[in-house]
């Protein structure tokens, strides 16, 4: 992973990325790069990451990819205070994009 990421440009994200290794916000590109490398072998702190985001005021979680496993976990971690959206197919992207328009 380190080799694969070494030449990839990573820009400071807005909003911050929540690292699943540190369970906190990260904006430094090199910290993001090292976190992605560590995530391959380190313990992923998913529950801590979701709890951190909820404590920071995040109330809307969007899962990208096949299935709804993470969406279900989020609902159990933050209970009813979260809105979850699962986007797993091209049609889901189009529907989400249309609903996000002002």
N, C-alpha and C. Protein backbone atom coordinates (compact mmCIF):
# COMPACT_ATOMS: atom_id res chain seq x y z
N UNK A 1 0.84 -1.19 0.00
CA UNK A 1 0.00 0.00 0.00
C UNK A 1 0.88 1.25 0.00
N UNK A 2 1.94 1.22 0.79
CA UNK A 2 2.84 2.37 0.85
C UNK A 2 3.39 2.69 -0.53
N UNK A 3 3.80 1.67 -1.25
CA UNK A 3 4.34 1.86 -2.59
C UNK A 3 3.28 2.39 -3.54
N UNK A 4 2.07 1.89 -3.43
CA UNK A 4 0.98 2.31 -4.31
C UNK A 4 0.61 3.77 -4.08
N UNK A 5 0.75 4.27 -2.86
CA UNK A 5 0.34 5.63 -2.52
C UNK A 5 1.45 6.66 -2.63
N UNK A 6 2.70 6.21 -2.80
CA UNK A 6 3.82 7.15 -2.70
C UNK A 6 3.77 8.28 -3.72
N UNK A 7 3.27 8.05 -4.91
CA UNK A 7 3.22 9.09 -5.94
C UNK A 7 1.84 9.69 -6.15
N UNK A 8 0.90 9.34 -5.30
CA UNK A 8 -0.47 9.86 -5.40
C UNK A 8 -0.55 11.19 -4.66
N UNK A 9 -1.07 12.20 -5.34
CA UNK A 9 -1.25 13.50 -4.68
C UNK A 9 -2.49 13.43 -3.79
N UNK A 10 -2.30 13.78 -2.53
CA UNK A 10 -3.41 13.85 -1.60
C UNK A 10 -3.50 15.29 -1.12
N UNK A 11 -4.65 15.89 -1.32
CA UNK A 11 -4.87 17.28 -0.91
C UNK A 11 -5.58 17.30 0.45
N UNK A 12 -5.41 18.37 1.21
CA UNK A 12 -6.13 18.47 2.49
C UNK A 12 -7.64 18.45 2.23
N UNK A 13 -8.35 17.51 2.83
CA UNK A 13 -9.79 17.40 2.57
C UNK A 13 -10.62 18.42 3.35
N UNK A 14 -11.75 18.78 2.75
CA UNK A 14 -12.74 19.62 3.41
C UNK A 14 -14.09 18.97 3.17
N UNK A 15 -14.75 18.51 4.16
CA UNK A 15 -14.41 18.50 5.58
C UNK A 15 -13.29 17.50 5.86
N UNK A 16 -12.78 17.50 7.08
CA UNK A 16 -11.68 16.58 7.43
C UNK A 16 -12.09 15.11 7.25
N UNK A 17 -11.10 14.30 6.99
CA UNK A 17 -11.27 12.85 6.93
C UNK A 17 -11.20 12.30 8.35
N UNK A 18 -12.08 11.39 8.69
CA UNK A 18 -11.99 10.75 10.00
C UNK A 18 -11.28 9.42 9.78
N UNK A 19 -10.10 9.32 10.35
CA UNK A 19 -9.26 8.14 10.21
C UNK A 19 -9.82 6.97 11.01
N UNK A 20 -9.95 5.81 10.37
CA UNK A 20 -10.42 4.62 11.07
C UNK A 20 -9.34 3.99 11.94
N UNK A 21 -8.11 4.47 11.82
CA UNK A 21 -7.02 3.98 12.67
C UNK A 21 -6.93 4.83 13.94
N UNK A 22 -7.07 6.14 13.78
CA UNK A 22 -6.95 7.07 14.91
C UNK A 22 -8.29 7.43 15.55
N UNK A 23 -9.38 7.24 14.81
CA UNK A 23 -10.73 7.62 15.25
C UNK A 23 -10.81 9.11 15.58
N UNK A 24 -10.19 9.91 14.71
CA UNK A 24 -10.24 11.37 14.86
C UNK A 24 -10.05 12.02 13.50
N UNK A 25 -10.32 13.32 13.44
CA UNK A 25 -10.22 14.06 12.18
C UNK A 25 -8.77 14.24 11.76
N UNK A 26 -8.53 14.12 10.45
CA UNK A 26 -7.19 14.29 9.88
C UNK A 26 -7.32 15.16 8.64
N UNK A 27 -6.44 16.17 8.52
CA UNK A 27 -6.43 17.00 7.31
C UNK A 27 -5.06 17.03 6.64
N UNK A 28 -4.03 16.64 7.35
CA UNK A 28 -2.67 16.66 6.80
C UNK A 28 -2.50 15.52 5.78
N UNK A 29 -2.15 15.85 4.53
CA UNK A 29 -2.03 14.81 3.50
C UNK A 29 -1.08 13.67 3.87
N UNK A 30 0.02 13.98 4.51
CA UNK A 30 0.96 12.90 4.88
C UNK A 30 0.39 12.02 5.99
N UNK A 31 -0.37 12.60 6.91
CA UNK A 31 -1.03 11.81 7.95
C UNK A 31 -2.11 10.92 7.33
N UNK A 32 -2.78 11.42 6.31
CA UNK A 32 -3.78 10.62 5.60
C UNK A 32 -3.10 9.46 4.91
N UNK A 33 -2.00 9.73 4.22
CA UNK A 33 -1.25 8.69 3.52
C UNK A 33 -0.79 7.59 4.50
N UNK A 34 -0.19 7.99 5.61
CA UNK A 34 0.31 7.00 6.56
C UNK A 34 -0.85 6.26 7.23
N UNK A 35 -1.97 6.93 7.43
CA UNK A 35 -3.16 6.28 7.98
C UNK A 35 -3.73 5.23 7.05
N UNK A 36 -3.73 5.52 5.76
CA UNK A 36 -4.21 4.54 4.79
C UNK A 36 -3.31 3.30 4.77
N UNK A 37 -2.02 3.52 4.90
CA UNK A 37 -1.07 2.40 4.96
C UNK A 37 -1.31 1.60 6.24
N UNK A 38 -1.44 2.28 7.35
CA UNK A 38 -1.64 1.60 8.64
C UNK A 38 -2.97 0.85 8.68
N UNK A 39 -3.97 1.37 8.00
CA UNK A 39 -5.30 0.75 8.03
C UNK A 39 -5.28 -0.67 7.47
N UNK A 40 -4.32 -0.97 6.62
CA UNK A 40 -4.23 -2.31 6.02
C UNK A 40 -3.92 -3.36 7.09
N UNK A 41 -3.11 -3.00 8.08
CA UNK A 41 -2.69 -3.98 9.09
C UNK A 41 -3.14 -3.65 10.51
N UNK A 42 -3.53 -2.42 10.77
CA UNK A 42 -3.91 -2.01 12.13
C UNK A 42 -5.37 -2.37 12.42
N UNK A 43 -5.71 -2.31 13.66
CA UNK A 43 -7.10 -2.50 14.06
C UNK A 43 -7.90 -1.30 13.61
N UNK A 44 -9.00 -1.54 12.93
CA UNK A 44 -9.88 -0.46 12.48
C UNK A 44 -10.81 -0.12 13.63
N UNK A 45 -10.87 1.15 13.97
CA UNK A 45 -11.68 1.63 15.10
C UNK A 45 -12.98 2.24 14.58
N UNK A 46 -13.79 1.40 13.93
CA UNK A 46 -15.02 1.87 13.29
C UNK A 46 -15.98 2.47 14.30
N UNK A 47 -16.27 1.75 15.38
CA UNK A 47 -17.21 2.25 16.39
C UNK A 47 -16.71 3.58 16.96
N UNK A 48 -15.42 3.66 17.29
CA UNK A 48 -14.86 4.90 17.82
C UNK A 48 -14.95 6.03 16.81
N UNK A 49 -14.73 5.70 15.53
CA UNK A 49 -14.80 6.73 14.48
C UNK A 49 -16.21 7.29 14.34
N UNK A 50 -17.20 6.40 14.35
CA UNK A 50 -18.60 6.84 14.24
C UNK A 50 -19.00 7.64 15.47
N UNK A 51 -18.60 7.18 16.64
CA UNK A 51 -18.90 7.91 17.88
C UNK A 51 -18.25 9.29 17.85
N UNK A 52 -17.02 9.37 17.37
CA UNK A 52 -16.33 10.67 17.24
C UNK A 52 -17.12 11.60 16.32
N UNK A 53 -17.51 11.09 15.15
CA UNK A 53 -18.24 11.93 14.20
C UNK A 53 -19.56 12.41 14.79
N UNK A 54 -20.26 11.52 15.47
CA UNK A 54 -21.52 11.90 16.10
C UNK A 54 -21.30 12.99 17.15
N UNK A 55 -20.24 12.86 17.94
CA UNK A 55 -19.92 13.86 18.97
C UNK A 55 -19.56 15.21 18.35
N UNK A 56 -19.07 15.19 17.10
CA UNK A 56 -18.72 16.41 16.40
C UNK A 56 -19.92 17.03 15.69
N UNK A 57 -21.09 16.40 15.83
CA UNK A 57 -22.31 16.95 15.25
C UNK A 57 -22.73 16.34 13.92
N UNK A 58 -22.02 15.31 13.46
CA UNK A 58 -22.41 14.65 12.21
C UNK A 58 -23.70 13.88 12.46
N UNK A 59 -24.70 14.13 11.62
CA UNK A 59 -25.98 13.45 11.76
C UNK A 59 -26.38 12.72 10.48
N UNK A 60 -25.60 12.89 9.42
CA UNK A 60 -25.91 12.26 8.13
C UNK A 60 -24.71 11.45 7.67
N UNK A 61 -24.91 10.15 7.47
CA UNK A 61 -23.85 9.24 7.06
C UNK A 61 -24.23 8.62 5.72
N UNK A 62 -23.30 8.62 4.78
CA UNK A 62 -23.55 8.08 3.45
C UNK A 62 -22.57 6.93 3.22
N UNK A 63 -23.10 5.74 2.97
CA UNK A 63 -22.28 4.57 2.69
C UNK A 63 -22.20 4.37 1.18
N UNK A 64 -20.99 4.31 0.66
CA UNK A 64 -20.77 4.07 -0.76
C UNK A 64 -20.23 2.67 -0.95
N UNK A 65 -20.88 1.88 -1.81
CA UNK A 65 -20.41 0.53 -2.08
C UNK A 65 -21.54 -0.46 -1.94
N UNK A 66 -21.23 -1.69 -2.32
CA UNK A 66 -22.23 -2.76 -2.28
C UNK A 66 -22.62 -3.09 -0.84
N UNK A 67 -23.89 -3.33 -0.64
CA UNK A 67 -24.38 -3.73 0.67
C UNK A 67 -24.71 -2.56 1.57
N UNK A 68 -25.21 -2.92 2.76
CA UNK A 68 -25.63 -1.90 3.72
C UNK A 68 -25.12 -2.23 5.12
N UNK A 69 -24.02 -2.96 5.20
CA UNK A 69 -23.49 -3.38 6.49
C UNK A 69 -23.12 -2.19 7.36
N UNK A 70 -22.36 -1.24 6.80
CA UNK A 70 -21.92 -0.09 7.59
C UNK A 70 -23.10 0.80 7.99
N UNK A 71 -24.07 0.93 7.12
CA UNK A 71 -25.27 1.71 7.45
C UNK A 71 -25.96 1.10 8.67
N UNK A 72 -26.09 -0.22 8.69
CA UNK A 72 -26.70 -0.89 9.83
C UNK A 72 -25.89 -0.70 11.10
N UNK A 73 -24.57 -0.77 11.00
CA UNK A 73 -23.72 -0.56 12.17
C UNK A 73 -23.87 0.86 12.71
N UNK A 74 -23.91 1.83 11.82
CA UNK A 74 -24.05 3.23 12.24
C UNK A 74 -25.36 3.41 13.01
N UNK A 75 -26.44 2.83 12.50
CA UNK A 75 -27.74 2.96 13.17
C UNK A 75 -27.69 2.38 14.58
N UNK A 76 -26.92 1.30 14.77
CA UNK A 76 -26.81 0.71 16.12
C UNK A 76 -25.88 1.53 17.02
N UNK A 77 -24.86 2.15 16.43
CA UNK A 77 -23.89 2.91 17.24
C UNK A 77 -24.48 4.23 17.73
N UNK A 78 -25.13 4.99 16.83
CA UNK A 78 -25.65 6.30 17.21
C UNK A 78 -27.16 6.30 17.34
N UNK A 79 -27.75 5.14 17.27
CA UNK A 79 -29.18 4.93 17.43
C UNK A 79 -29.99 5.81 16.49
N UNK A 80 -31.01 6.46 16.98
CA UNK A 80 -31.93 7.18 16.09
C UNK A 80 -31.48 8.58 15.71
N UNK A 81 -30.32 9.02 16.22
CA UNK A 81 -29.90 10.40 15.93
C UNK A 81 -29.26 10.56 14.57
N UNK A 82 -29.09 9.48 13.82
CA UNK A 82 -28.40 9.56 12.53
C UNK A 82 -29.34 9.26 11.37
N UNK A 83 -29.09 9.98 10.28
CA UNK A 83 -29.72 9.66 9.01
C UNK A 83 -28.67 8.90 8.21
N UNK A 84 -29.05 7.74 7.67
CA UNK A 84 -28.10 6.96 6.89
C UNK A 84 -28.63 6.77 5.48
N UNK A 85 -27.71 6.81 4.53
CA UNK A 85 -28.04 6.63 3.13
C UNK A 85 -27.05 5.63 2.57
N UNK A 86 -27.53 4.63 1.85
CA UNK A 86 -26.67 3.64 1.22
C UNK A 86 -26.72 3.82 -0.29
N UNK A 87 -25.55 4.00 -0.89
CA UNK A 87 -25.45 4.17 -2.34
C UNK A 87 -24.61 3.02 -2.86
N UNK A 88 -25.25 2.08 -3.57
CA UNK A 88 -24.55 0.90 -4.00
C UNK A 88 -24.59 0.63 -5.49
N UNK A 89 -25.36 1.39 -6.23
CA UNK A 89 -25.50 1.16 -7.67
C UNK A 89 -25.58 2.51 -8.38
N UNK A 90 -25.29 2.52 -9.68
CA UNK A 90 -25.36 3.79 -10.43
C UNK A 90 -26.70 4.51 -10.28
N UNK A 91 -27.79 3.77 -10.24
CA UNK A 91 -29.11 4.40 -10.07
C UNK A 91 -29.21 5.10 -8.72
N UNK A 92 -28.56 4.54 -7.70
CA UNK A 92 -28.56 5.16 -6.37
C UNK A 92 -27.83 6.50 -6.41
N UNK A 93 -26.74 6.57 -7.18
CA UNK A 93 -25.97 7.80 -7.30
C UNK A 93 -26.84 8.88 -7.95
N UNK A 94 -27.52 8.49 -9.02
CA UNK A 94 -28.38 9.45 -9.73
C UNK A 94 -29.51 9.94 -8.83
N UNK A 95 -30.13 9.04 -8.07
CA UNK A 95 -31.22 9.43 -7.18
C UNK A 95 -30.72 10.34 -6.06
N UNK A 96 -29.55 10.01 -5.51
CA UNK A 96 -28.99 10.84 -4.45
C UNK A 96 -28.63 12.21 -4.99
N UNK A 97 -28.01 12.24 -6.15
CA UNK A 97 -27.62 13.52 -6.76
C UNK A 97 -28.84 14.40 -7.02
N UNK A 98 -29.92 13.82 -7.49
CA UNK A 98 -31.15 14.56 -7.78
C UNK A 98 -31.76 15.09 -6.48
N UNK A 99 -31.69 14.29 -5.41
CA UNK A 99 -32.28 14.73 -4.14
C UNK A 99 -31.44 15.78 -3.44
N UNK A 100 -30.17 15.88 -3.78
CA UNK A 100 -29.27 16.84 -3.13
C UNK A 100 -29.30 18.20 -3.81
N UNK A 101 -29.97 18.31 -4.95
CA UNK A 101 -30.04 19.59 -5.66
C UNK A 101 -30.95 20.56 -4.91
N UNK A 102 -30.54 21.84 -4.83
CA UNK A 102 -31.38 22.84 -4.13
C UNK A 102 -32.70 23.09 -4.86
